[in-house]
PDB file of N, CA and C in Angstrom:
ATOM      1  N   MET A   1       0.825  -1.172   0.001  1.00  0.00           N
ATOM      2  CA  MET A   1      -0.014   0.009   0.022  1.00  0.00           C
ATOM      3  C   MET A   1       0.893   1.241  -0.024  1.00  0.00           C
ATOM      4  N   SER A   2       0.672   2.078  -0.939  1.00  0.00           N
ATOM      5  CA  SER A   2       1.442   3.319  -0.986  1.00  0.00           C
ATOM      6  C   SER A   2       0.501   4.504  -0.858  1.00  0.00           C
ATOM      7  N   LEU A   3       1.033   5.600  -0.272  1.00  0.00           N
ATOM      8  CA  LEU A   3       0.247   6.802  -0.051  1.00  0.00           C
ATOM      9  C   LEU A   3       0.330   7.715  -1.241  1.00  0.00           C
ATOM     10  N   THR A   4      -0.793   8.274  -1.576  1.00  0.00           N
ATOM     11  CA  THR A   4      -0.816   9.249  -2.679  1.00  0.00           C
ATOM     12  C   THR A   4      -0.465  10.626  -2.128  1.00  0.00           C
ATOM     13  N   THR A   5      -0.263  11.548  -3.028  1.00  0.00           N
ATOM     14  CA  THR A   5       0.056  12.917  -2.633  1.00  0.00           C
ATOM     15  C   THR A   5      -1.108  13.512  -1.861  1.00  0.00           C
ATOM     16  N   GLN A   6      -2.315  13.197  -2.250  1.00  0.00           N
ATOM     17  CA  GLN A   6      -3.503  13.676  -1.537  1.00  0.00           C
ATOM     18  C   GLN A   6      -3.533  13.120  -0.106  1.00  0.00           C
ATOM     19  N   ASP A   7      -3.164  11.863   0.049  1.00  0.00           N
ATOM     20  CA  ASP A   7      -3.156  11.241   1.376  1.00  0.00           C
ATOM     21  C   ASP A   7      -2.120  11.938   2.282  1.00  0.00           C
ATOM     22  N   LEU A   8      -0.960  12.239   1.730  1.00  0.00           N
ATOM     23  CA  LEU A   8       0.045  12.947   2.501  1.00  0.00           C
ATOM     24  C   LEU A   8      -0.408  14.352   2.919  1.00  0.00           C
ATOM     25  N   LYS A   9      -1.112  15.033   2.018  1.00  0.00           N
ATOM     26  CA  LYS A   9      -1.624  16.362   2.360  1.00  0.00           C
ATOM     27  C   LYS A   9      -2.644  16.292   3.483  1.00  0.00           C
ATOM     28  N   GLN A  10      -3.473  15.249   3.444  1.00  0.00           N
ATOM     29  CA  GLN A  10      -4.499  15.108   4.520  1.00  0.00           C
ATOM     30  C   GLN A  10      -3.823  14.766   5.834  1.00  0.00           C
ATOM     31  N   ILE A  11      -2.802  13.958   5.799  1.00  0.00           N
ATOM     32  CA  ILE A  11      -2.066  13.586   7.022  1.00  0.00           C
ATOM     33  C   ILE A  11      -1.409  14.847   7.582  1.00  0.00           C
ATOM     34  N   ARG A  12      -0.762  15.633   6.733  1.00  0.00           N
ATOM     35  CA  ARG A  12      -0.100  16.863   7.184  1.00  0.00           C
ATOM     36  C   ARG A  12      -1.113  17.833   7.785  1.00  0.00           C
ATOM     37  N   THR A  13      -2.238  17.961   7.127  1.00  0.00           N
ATOM     38  CA  THR A  13      -3.288  18.859   7.632  1.00  0.00           C
ATOM     39  C   THR A  13      -3.760  18.396   8.996  1.00  0.00           C
ATOM     40  N   ALA A  14      -3.998  17.101   9.168  1.00  0.00           N
ATOM     41  CA  ALA A  14      -4.472  16.566  10.437  1.00  0.00           C
ATOM     42  C   ALA A  14      -3.429  16.790  11.535  1.00  0.00           C
ATOM     43  N   VAL A  15      -2.168  16.563  11.215  1.00  0.00           N
ATOM     44  CA  VAL A  15      -1.078  16.735  12.184  1.00  0.00           C
ATOM     45  C   VAL A  15      -0.996  18.226  12.553  1.00  0.00           C
ATOM     46  N   ARG A  16      -1.066  19.108  11.578  1.00  0.00           N
ATOM     47  CA  ARG A  16      -0.999  20.548  11.797  1.00  0.00           C
ATOM     48  C   ARG A  16      -2.114  21.002  12.694  1.00  0.00           C
ATOM     49  N   GLU A  17      -3.358  20.516  12.444  1.00  0.00           N
ATOM     50  CA  GLU A  17      -4.515  20.923  13.223  1.00  0.00           C
ATOM     51  C   GLU A  17      -4.374  20.436  14.661  1.00  0.00           C
ATOM     52  N   GLU A  18      -3.885  19.229  14.816  1.00  0.00           N
ATOM     53  CA  GLU A  18      -3.681  18.715  16.203  1.00  0.00           C
ATOM     54  C   GLU A  18      -2.610  19.490  16.939  1.00  0.00           C
ATOM     55  N   ALA A  19      -1.543  19.820  16.249  1.00  0.00           N
ATOM     56  CA  ALA A  19      -0.475  20.595  16.843  1.00  0.00           C
ATOM     57  C   ALA A  19      -0.988  21.979  17.274  1.00  0.00           C
ATOM     58  N   GLU A  20      -1.752  22.618  16.403  1.00  0.00           N
ATOM     59  CA  GLU A  20      -2.333  23.911  16.740  1.00  0.00           C
ATOM     60  C   GLU A  20      -3.302  23.788  17.956  1.00  0.00           C
ATOM     61  N   SER A  21      -4.036  22.734  17.988  1.00  0.00           N
ATOM     62  CA  SER A  21      -4.996  22.508  19.082  1.00  0.00           C
ATOM     63  C   SER A  21      -4.243  22.345  20.415  1.00  0.00           C
ATOM     64  N   VAL A  22      -3.153  21.571  20.381  1.00  0.00           N
ATOM     65  CA  VAL A  22      -2.373  21.396  21.607  1.00  0.00           C
ATOM     66  C   VAL A  22      -1.744  22.709  22.051  1.00  0.00           C
ATOM     67  N   ILE A  23      -1.219  23.450  21.127  1.00  0.00           N
ATOM     68  CA  ILE A  23      -0.629  24.741  21.452  1.00  0.00           C
ATOM     69  C   ILE A  23      -1.677  25.668  22.039  1.00  0.00           C
ATOM     70  N   SER A  24      -2.845  25.713  21.429  1.00  0.00           N
ATOM     71  CA  SER A  24      -3.896  26.578  21.945  1.00  0.00           C
ATOM     72  C   SER A  24      -4.311  26.173  23.334  1.00  0.00           C
ATOM     73  N   ALA A  25      -4.401  24.858  23.596  1.00  0.00           N
ATOM     74  CA  ALA A  25      -4.908  24.382  24.865  1.00  0.00           C
ATOM     75  C   ALA A  25      -3.871  24.444  25.978  1.00  0.00           C
ATOM     76  N   ARG A  26      -2.615  24.257  25.642  1.00  0.00           N
ATOM     77  CA  ARG A  26      -1.600  24.145  26.712  1.00  0.00           C
ATOM     78  C   ARG A  26      -0.596  25.283  26.825  1.00  0.00           C
ATOM     79  N   VAL A  27      -0.293  25.874  25.681  1.00  0.00           N
ATOM     80  CA  VAL A  27       0.774  26.923  25.715  1.00  0.00           C
ATOM     81  C   VAL A  27       0.187  28.319  25.824  1.00  0.00           C
ATOM     82  N   GLU A  28      -0.844  28.634  25.075  1.00  0.00           N
ATOM     83  CA  GLU A  28      -1.355  29.992  25.085  1.00  0.00           C
ATOM     84  C   GLU A  28      -1.867  30.478  26.433  1.00  0.00           C
ATOM     85  N   PRO A  29      -2.530  29.627  27.247  1.00  0.00           N
ATOM     86  CA  PRO A  29      -2.903  30.104  28.580  1.00  0.00           C
ATOM     87  C   PRO A  29      -1.723  30.510  29.438  1.00  0.00           C
ATOM     88  N   ARG A  30      -0.596  29.904  29.221  1.00  0.00           N
ATOM     89  CA  ARG A  30       0.649  30.277  29.953  1.00  0.00           C
ATOM     90  C   ARG A  30       1.059  31.676  29.539  1.00  0.00           C
ATOM     91  N   PHE A  31       0.914  31.993  28.267  1.00  0.00           N
ATOM     92  CA  PHE A  31       1.259  33.361  27.798  1.00  0.00           C
ATOM     93  C   PHE A  31       0.340  34.357  28.443  1.00  0.00           C
ATOM     94  N   ASP A  32      -0.932  34.043  28.569  1.00  0.00           N
ATOM     95  CA  ASP A  32      -1.862  35.011  29.215  1.00  0.00           C
ATOM     96  C   ASP A  32      -1.423  35.264  30.623  1.00  0.00           C
ATOM     97  N   ASN A  33      -1.011  34.238  31.354  1.00  0.00           N
ATOM     98  CA  ASN A  33      -0.502  34.374  32.695  1.00  0.00           C
ATOM     99  C   ASN A  33       0.763  35.261  32.726  1.00  0.00           C
ATOM    100  N   LEU A  34       1.645  35.013  31.769  1.00  0.00           N
ATOM    101  CA  LEU A  34       2.873  35.819  31.690  1.00  0.00           C
ATOM    102  C   LEU A  34       2.572  37.274  31.366  1.00  0.00           C
ATOM    103  N   ASP A  35       1.586  37.536  30.507  1.00  0.00           N
ATOM    104  CA  ASP A  35       1.214  38.928  30.177  1.00  0.00           C
ATOM    105  C   ASP A  35       0.792  39.657  31.437  1.00  0.00           C
ATOM    106  N   GLY A  36       0.000  39.031  32.261  1.00  0.00           N
ATOM    107  CA  GLY A  36      -0.438  39.630  33.520  1.00  0.00           C
ATOM    108  C   GLY A  36       0.705  39.923  34.471  1.00  0.00           C
ATOM    109  N   ARG A  37       1.635  38.947  34.531  1.00  0.00           N
ATOM    110  CA  ARG A  37       2.779  39.112  35.404  1.00  0.00           C
ATOM    111  C   ARG A  37       3.723  40.233  34.904  1.00  0.00           C
ATOM    112  N   ILE A  38       3.893  40.322  33.593  1.00  0.00           N
ATOM    113  CA  ILE A  38       4.730  41.303  33.026  1.00  0.00           C
ATOM    114  C   ILE A  38       4.136  42.712  33.257  1.00  0.00           C
ATOM    115  N   GLU A  39       2.824  42.766  33.115  1.00  0.00           N
ATOM    116  CA  GLU A  39       2.143  44.075  33.371  1.00  0.00           C
ATOM    117  C   GLU A  39       2.304  44.452  34.842  1.00  0.00           C
ATOM    118  N   ALA A  40       2.162  43.514  35.759  1.00  0.00           N
ATOM    119  CA  ALA A  40       2.367  43.780  37.185  1.00  0.00           C
ATOM    120  C   ALA A  40       3.799  44.285  37.440  1.00  0.00           C
ATOM    121  N   LEU A  41       4.764  43.572  36.845  1.00  0.00           N
ATOM    122  CA  LEU A  41       6.160  44.033  37.032  1.00  0.00           C
ATOM    123  C   LEU A  41       6.365  45.439  36.491  1.00  0.00           C
ATOM    124  N   GLY A  42       5.772  45.762  35.376  1.00  0.00           N
ATOM    125  CA  GLY A  42       5.880  47.090  34.796  1.00  0.00           C
ATOM    126  C   GLY A  42       5.294  48.110  35.735  1.00  0.00           C
ATOM    127  N   ASN A  43       4.142  47.812  36.351  1.00  0.00           N
ATOM    128  CA  ASN A  43       3.539  48.697  37.319  1.00  0.00           C
ATOM    129  C   ASN A  43       4.447  48.891  38.552  1.00  0.00           C
ATOM    130  N   ASP A  44       5.032  47.807  38.998  1.00  0.00           N
ATOM    131  CA  ASP A  44       5.939  47.885  40.150  1.00  0.00           C
ATOM    132  C   ASP A  44       7.166  48.781  39.838  1.00  0.00           C
ATOM    133  N   VAL A  45       7.707  48.666  38.650  1.00  0.00           N
ATOM    134  CA  VAL A  45       8.841  49.489  38.256  1.00  0.00           C
ATOM    135  C   VAL A  45       8.391  50.952  38.255  1.00  0.00           C
ATOM    136  N   LYS A  46       7.220  51.260  37.737  1.00  0.00           N
ATOM    137  CA  LYS A  46       6.761  52.648  37.729  1.00  0.00           C
ATOM    138  C   LYS A  46       6.613  53.170  39.181  1.00  0.00           C
ATOM    139  N   ASP A  47       6.056  52.356  40.083  1.00  0.00           N
ATOM    140  CA  ASP A  47       5.927  52.757  41.450  1.00  0.00           C
ATOM    141  C   ASP A  47       7.272  53.023  42.113  1.00  0.00           C
ATOM    142  N   ILE A  48       8.198  52.112  41.862  1.00  0.00           N
ATOM    143  CA  ILE A  48       9.555  52.290  42.428  1.00  0.00           C
ATOM    144  C   ILE A  48      10.204  53.560  41.896  1.00  0.00           C
ATOM    145  N   TYR A  49      10.009  53.816  40.612  1.00  0.00           N
ATOM    146  CA  TYR A  49      10.581  55.040  39.998  1.00  0.00           C
ATOM    147  C   TYR A  49       9.983  56.273  40.671  1.00  0.00           C
ATOM    148  N   LYS A  50       8.676  56.270  40.923  1.00  0.00           N
ATOM    149  CA  LYS A  50       8.031  57.404  41.571  1.00  0.00           C
ATOM    150  C   LYS A  50       8.570  57.599  42.990  1.00  0.00           C
ATOM    151  N   MET A  51       8.744  56.472  43.719  1.00  0.00           N
ATOM    152  CA  MET A  51       9.271  56.585  45.084  1.00  0.00           C
ATOM    153  C   MET A  51      10.687  57.145  45.087  1.00  0.00           C
ATOM    154  N   ILE A  52      11.503  56.683  44.170  1.00  0.00           N
ATOM    155  CA  ILE A  52      12.871  57.211  44.105  1.00  0.00           C
ATOM    156  C   ILE A  52      12.883  58.658  43.727  1.00  0.00           C
ATOM    157  N   SER A  53      12.008  59.036  42.809  1.00  0.00           N
ATOM    158  CA  SER A  53      11.865  60.451  42.425  1.00  0.00           C
ATOM    159  C   SER A  53      11.480  61.288  43.615  1.00  0.00           C
ATOM    160  N   GLU A  54      10.542  60.819  44.415  1.00  0.00           N
ATOM    161  CA  GLU A  54      10.131  61.578  45.604  1.00  0.00           C
ATOM    162  C   GLU A  54      11.232  61.688  46.631  1.00  0.00           C
ATOM    163  N   LEU A  55      11.998  60.598  46.806  1.00  0.00           N
ATOM    164  CA  LEU A  55      13.149  60.642  47.726  1.00  0.00           C
ATOM    165  C   LEU A  55      14.195  61.647  47.236  1.00  0.00           C
ATOM    166  N   GLN A  56      14.404  61.704  45.930  1.00  0.00           N
ATOM    167  CA  GLN A  56      15.375  62.655  45.427  1.00  0.00           C
ATOM    168  C   GLN A  56      14.928  64.113  45.639  1.00  0.00           C
ATOM    169  N   LYS A  57      13.589  64.336  45.515  1.00  0.00           N
ATOM    170  CA  LYS A  57      13.091  65.667  45.754  1.00  0.00           C
ATOM    171  C   LYS A  57      13.301  66.061  47.195  1.00  0.00           C
ATOM    172  N   LEU A  58      13.214  65.088  48.112  1.00  0.00           N
ATOM    173  CA  LEU A  58      13.422  65.434  49.534  1.00  0.00           C
ATOM    174  C   LEU A  58      14.880  65.768  49.815  1.00  0.00           C
ATOM    175  N   THR A  59      15.791  65.189  49.128  1.00  0.00           N
ATOM    176  CA  THR A  59      17.221  65.430  49.428  1.00  0.00           C
ATOM    177  C   THR A  59      17.759  66.643  48.712  1.00  0.00           C
ATOM    178  N   ARG A  60      17.086  67.109  47.668  1.00  0.00           N
ATOM    179  CA  ARG A  60      17.613  68.216  46.917  1.00  0.00           C
ATOM    180  C   ARG A  60      17.731  69.507  47.743  1.00  0.00           C
ATOM    181  N   PRO A  61      16.734  69.884  48.524  1.00  0.00           N
ATOM    182  CA  PRO A  61      16.918  71.122  49.326  1.00  0.00           C
ATOM    183  C   PRO A  61      18.097  71.047  50.254  1.00  0.00           C
ATOM    184  N   ILE A  62      18.368  69.869  50.793  1.00  0.00           N
ATOM    185  CA  ILE A  62      19.502  69.683  51.679  1.00  0.00           C
ATOM    186  C   ILE A  62      20.808  69.921  50.906  1.00  0.00           C
ATOM    187  N   ALA A  63      20.854  69.354  49.729  1.00  0.00           N
ATOM    188  CA  ALA A  63      22.053  69.516  48.883  1.00  0.00           C
ATOM    189  C   ALA A  63      22.228  71.015  48.542  1.00  0.00           C
ATOM    190  N   HIS A  64      21.103  71.705  48.355  1.00  0.00           N
ATOM    191  CA  HIS A  64      21.126  73.128  48.027  1.00  0.00           C
ATOM    192  C   HIS A  64      21.712  73.946  49.197  1.00  0.00           C
ATOM    193  N   ILE A  65      21.406  73.537  50.404  1.00  0.00           N
ATOM    194  CA  ILE A  65      21.887  74.248  51.581  1.00  0.00           C
ATOM    195  C   ILE A  65      23.397  74.033  51.779  1.00  0.00           C
ATOM    196  N   GLU A  66      23.916  72.933  51.340  1.00  0.00           N
ATOM    197  CA  GLU A  66      25.308  72.582  51.566  1.00  0.00           C
ATOM    198  C   GLU A  66      26.281  73.656  51.068  1.00  0.00           C
ATOM    199  N   LYS A  67      25.867  74.415  50.131  1.00  0.00           N
ATOM    200  CA  LYS A  67      26.791  75.420  49.563  1.00  0.00           C
ATOM    201  C   LYS A  67      26.924  76.671  50.444  1.00  0.00           C
ATOM    202  N   TYR A  68      26.005  76.836  51.446  1.00  0.00           N
ATOM    203  CA  TYR A  68      26.060  78.001  52.301  1.00  0.00           C
ATOM    204  C   TYR A  68      27.065  77.802  53.437  1.00  0.00           C
ATOM    205  N   ASP A  69      27.503  78.901  53.993  1.00  0.00           N
ATOM    206  CA  ASP A  69      28.371  78.788  55.174  1.00  0.00           C
ATOM    207  C   ASP A  69      27.500  78.432  56.401  1.00  0.00           C
ATOM    208  N   LEU A  70      28.145  78.115  57.505  1.00  0.00           N
ATOM    209  CA  LEU A  70      27.400  77.614  58.656  1.00  0.00           C
ATOM    210  C   LEU A  70      26.378  78.593  59.195  1.00  0.00           C
ATOM    211  N   GLU A  71      26.701  79.871  59.250  1.00  0.00           N
ATOM    212  CA  GLU A  71      25.732  80.868  59.773  1.00  0.00           C
ATOM    213  C   GLU A  71      24.480  80.935  58.901  1.00  0.00           C
ATOM    214  N   GLN A  72      24.675  80.931  57.591  1.00  0.00           N
ATOM    215  CA  GLN A  72      23.527  80.960  56.703  1.00  0.00           C
ATOM    216  C   GLN A  72      22.668  79.702  56.837  1.00  0.00           C
ATOM    217  N   LYS A  73      23.314  78.567  57.058  1.00  0.00           N
ATOM    218  CA  LYS A  73      22.561  77.318  57.233  1.00  0.00           C
ATOM    219  C   LYS A  73      21.693  77.383  58.500  1.00  0.00           C
ATOM    220  N   VAL A  74      22.277  77.906  59.579  1.00  0.00           N
ATOM    221  CA  VAL A  74      21.549  78.038  60.822  1.00  0.00           C
ATOM    222  C   VAL A  74      20.359  78.980  60.661  1.00  0.00           C
ATOM    223  N   LEU A  75      20.567  80.108  60.058  1.00  0.00           N
ATOM    224  CA  LEU A  75      19.500  81.088  59.875  1.00  0.00           C
ATOM    225  C   LEU A  75      18.366  80.547  58.969  1.00  0.00           C
ATOM    226  N   LYS A  76      18.737  79.890  57.897  1.00  0.00           N
ATOM    227  CA  LYS A  76      17.738  79.299  56.985  1.00  0.00           C
ATOM    228  C   LYS A  76      16.964  78.218  57.729  1.00  0.00           C
ATOM    229  N   THR A  77      17.663  77.391  58.464  1.00  0.00           N
ATOM    230  CA  THR A  77      16.971  76.314  59.204  1.00  0.00           C
ATOM    231  C   THR A  77      16.037  76.924  60.250  1.00  0.00           C
ATOM    232  N   TYR A  78      16.481  77.966  60.922  1.00  0.00           N
ATOM    233  CA  TYR A  78      15.641  78.639  61.907  1.00  0.00           C
ATOM    234  C   TYR A  78      14.356  79.175  61.284  1.00  0.00           C
ATOM    235  N   ARG A  79      14.495  79.825  60.116  1.00  0.00           N
ATOM    236  CA  ARG A  79      13.306  80.355  59.450  1.00  0.00           C
ATOM    237  C   ARG A  79      12.365  79.202  59.050  1.00  0.00           C
ATOM    238  N   ASN A  80      12.937  78.089  58.601  1.00  0.00           N
ATOM    239  CA  ASN A  80      12.105  76.943  58.261  1.00  0.00           C
ATOM    240  C   ASN A  80      11.366  76.378  59.466  1.00  0.00           C
ATOM    241  N   VAL A  81      12.071  76.295  60.609  1.00  0.00           N
ATOM    242  CA  VAL A  81      11.431  75.819  61.822  1.00  0.00           C
ATOM    243  C   VAL A  81      10.277  76.760  62.266  1.00  0.00           C
ATOM    244  N   LEU A  82      10.506  78.031  62.185  1.00  0.00           N
ATOM    245  CA  LEU A  82       9.452  78.992  62.501  1.00  0.00           C
ATOM    246  C   LEU A  82       8.211  78.825  61.611  1.00  0.00           C
ATOM    247  N   ALA A  83       8.466  78.655  60.312  1.00  0.00           N
ATOM    248  CA  ALA A  83       7.381  78.482  59.375  1.00  0.00           C
ATOM    249  C   ALA A  83       6.601  77.194  59.654  1.00  0.00           C
ATOM    250  N   ILE A  84       7.298  76.115  59.958  1.00  0.00           N
ATOM    251  CA  ILE A  84       6.700  74.840  60.270  1.00  0.00           C
ATOM    252  C   ILE A  84       5.855  74.939  61.546  1.00  0.00           C
ATOM    253  N   ALA A  85       6.433  75.589  62.544  1.00  0.00           N
ATOM    254  CA  ALA A  85       5.733  75.755  63.825  1.00  0.00           C
ATOM    255  C   ALA A  85       4.468  76.583  63.622  1.00  0.00           C
ATOM    256  N   LYS A  86       4.553  77.612  62.836  1.00  0.00           N
ATOM    257  CA  LYS A  86       3.369  78.456  62.549  1.00  0.00           C
ATOM    258  C   LYS A  86       2.277  77.654  61.857  1.00  0.00           C
ATOM    259  N   ASP A  87       2.660  76.816  60.859  1.00  0.00           N
ATOM    260  CA  ASP A  87       1.703  75.993  60.172  1.00  0.00           C
ATOM    261  C   ASP A  87       1.061  74.979  61.110  1.00  0.00           C
ATOM    262  N   ALA A  88       1.831  74.477  62.074  1.00  0.00           N
ATOM    263  CA  ALA A  88       1.341  73.446  63.019  1.00  0.00           C
ATOM    264  C   ALA A  88       0.612  74.089  64.190  1.00  0.00           C
ATOM    265  N   GLY A  89       0.654  75.402  64.336  1.00  0.00           N
ATOM    266  CA  GLY A  89       0.006  76.075  65.430  1.00  0.00           C
ATOM    267  C   GLY A  89       0.734  75.896  66.754  1.00  0.00           C
ATOM    268  N   VAL A  90       2.060  75.738  66.644  1.00  0.00           N
ATOM    269  CA  VAL A  90       2.885  75.560  67.844  1.00  0.00           C
ATOM    270  C   VAL A  90       3.603  76.872  68.158  1.00  0.00           C
ATOM    271  N   THR A  91       3.567  77.262  69.438  1.00  0.00           N
ATOM    272  CA  THR A  91       4.297  78.469  69.848  1.00  0.00           C
ATOM    273  C   THR A  91       5.647  78.024  70.380  1.00  0.00           C
ATOM    274  N   LEU A  92       6.698  78.552  69.755  1.00  0.00           N
ATOM    275  CA  LEU A  92       8.037  78.219  70.192  1.00  0.00           C
ATOM    276  C   LEU A  92       8.540  79.195  71.222  1.00  0.00           C
ATOM    277  N   PRO A  93       9.285  78.694  72.200  1.00  0.00           N
ATOM    278  CA  PRO A  93       9.852  79.588  73.208  1.00  0.00           C
ATOM    279  C   PRO A  93      10.938  80.471  72.559  1.00  0.00           C
ATOM    280  N   ARG A  94      10.964  81.714  73.006  1.00  0.00           N
ATOM    281  CA  ARG A  94      11.971  82.638  72.471  1.00  0.00           C
ATOM    282  C   ARG A  94      12.841  83.095  73.614  1.00  0.00           C
ATOM    283  N   GLU A  95      14.109  83.191  73.319  1.00  0.00           N
ATOM    284  CA  GLU A  95      15.067  83.604  74.381  1.00  0.00           C
ATOM    285  C   GLU A  95      15.436  85.060  74.200  1.00  0.00           C
TER     286      GLU A  95
END
């Protein structure tokens, strides 16, 4: 018994359809899971970037003060403490 060209085409088609079916059933759901995980990682990276950015904003004023001499640093810090106390409704003792 020999196979004709048509028989070979039908066999190839059947094998191809089965392979596609297996891939759809077993592999593609894993990609869906990976897509969700990749999106979550991307969101985490964005959140970490925002946190780092906020931390850098907090340290910048301190770096800005570093260029002043000691007396200027004390006076600027004192003005900042007075402003914070005023905002908080705290009366500071004065000497």
